[in-house]
Amino acid sequence: MAAINLADAKTHLSELIDRVEAGDSIDITRRGKPVARLTAVAKPRQRIDATLLGALTATMPPQAQTASELVRSMRDGERY
């Protein structure tokens, strides 16, 4: 994490924003003490298209065993 003083942050704000977009975090200091931190905003999650998901799962073959049978076989296989 980089640190920059307030005067330099004002002068180079566009460059700092580019660095933050690339994944860096930057502390802004005043008189040598950190007072703020620049970090990227979390991107919003995309909504799931239920019709597309339904079409995808319709093309998948059914499983031969239930989920509980699968977990039980995996657990018992690792036991001994």
Protein backbone atom coordinates (compact mmCIF):
# COMPACT_ATOMS: atom_id res chain seq x y z
CA MET A 1 0.00 0.00 0.00
CA ALA A 2 1.39 3.37 -1.02
CA ALA A 3 1.22 6.61 0.95
CA ILE A 4 1.14 10.11 -0.50
CA ASN A 5 0.83 13.53 1.13
CA LEU A 6 -2.27 15.65 0.60
CA ALA A 7 -0.62 18.27 -1.63
CA ASP A 8 0.72 15.61 -4.01
CA ALA A 9 -2.65 13.82 -3.96
CA LYS A 10 -4.36 17.01 -5.14
CA THR A 11 -1.81 17.45 -7.92
CA HIS A 12 -1.89 13.84 -9.15
CA LEU A 13 -5.49 12.83 -8.42
CA SER A 14 -6.15 11.40 -11.91
CA GLU A 15 -3.05 9.21 -11.72
CA LEU A 16 -4.01 8.01 -8.25
CA ILE A 17 -7.51 7.09 -9.44
CA ASP A 18 -5.99 5.05 -12.28
CA ARG A 19 -3.81 3.19 -9.78
CA VAL A 20 -6.79 2.51 -7.50
CA GLU A 21 -8.80 1.17 -10.46
CA ALA A 22 -5.90 -1.18 -11.17
CA GLY A 23 -6.17 -2.59 -7.64
CA ASP A 24 -3.87 -0.46 -5.48
CA SER A 25 -4.86 1.13 -2.18
CA ILE A 26 -3.37 4.51 -1.37
CA ASP A 27 -3.16 6.25 2.00
CA ILE A 28 -3.31 10.05 1.98
CA THR A 29 -1.31 11.70 4.75
CA ARG A 30 -1.37 15.12 6.36
CA ARG A 31 1.78 16.13 8.21
CA GLY A 32 2.99 12.54 8.00
CA LYS A 33 -0.12 10.97 9.57
CA PRO A 34 -2.63 8.95 7.53
CA VAL A 35 -6.01 10.69 7.26
CA ALA A 36 -7.73 8.93 4.33
CA ARG A 37 -7.49 5.83 2.17
CA LEU A 38 -8.34 5.50 -1.53
CA THR A 39 -9.66 2.07 -2.49
CA ALA A 40 -11.69 0.78 -5.42
CA VAL A 41 -15.46 0.54 -5.13
CA ALA A 42 -16.81 -3.02 -5.18
CA LYS A 43 -18.49 -3.71 -8.50
CA PRO A 44 -22.20 -4.55 -8.29
CA ARG A 45 -23.14 -8.17 -8.80
CA GLN A 46 -24.98 -9.07 -11.98
CA ARG A 47 -28.47 -10.49 -11.76
CA ILE A 48 -28.95 -14.15 -12.71
CA ASP A 49 -31.14 -14.77 -15.74
CA ALA A 50 -33.49 -17.51 -14.51
CA THR A 51 -34.57 -18.57 -18.01
CA LEU A 52 -30.95 -18.97 -19.13
CA LEU A 53 -30.14 -20.94 -15.98
CA GLY A 54 -33.17 -23.16 -16.54
CA ALA A 55 -32.13 -23.82 -20.15
CA LEU A 56 -28.63 -24.75 -19.00
CA THR A 57 -29.80 -27.17 -16.30
CA ALA A 58 -32.29 -28.77 -18.70
CA THR A 59 -29.40 -29.89 -20.91
CA MET A 60 -27.54 -31.55 -18.02
CA PRO A 61 -28.02 -35.31 -17.48
CA PRO A 62 -29.64 -36.34 -14.18
CA GLN A 63 -27.32 -37.57 -11.44
CA ALA A 64 -27.19 -41.31 -10.74
CA GLN A 65 -27.22 -40.88 -6.94
CA THR A 66 -28.71 -38.41 -4.50
CA ALA A 67 -26.59 -35.74 -2.85
CA SER A 68 -26.68 -37.55 0.50
CA GLU A 69 -25.50 -40.79 -1.13
CA LEU A 70 -22.66 -38.94 -2.86
CA VAL A 71 -21.51 -37.27 0.37
CA ARG A 72 -21.77 -40.56 2.28
CA SER A 73 -19.67 -42.40 -0.34
CA MET A 74 -17.04 -39.65 -0.31
CA ARG A 75 -16.91 -39.65 3.49
CA ASP A 76 -16.71 -43.43 3.81
CA GLY A 77 -14.11 -43.70 1.04
CA GLU A 78 -11.75 -41.32 2.86
CA ARG A 79 -12.25 -42.89 6.26
CA TYR A 80 -10.16 -46.05 5.77
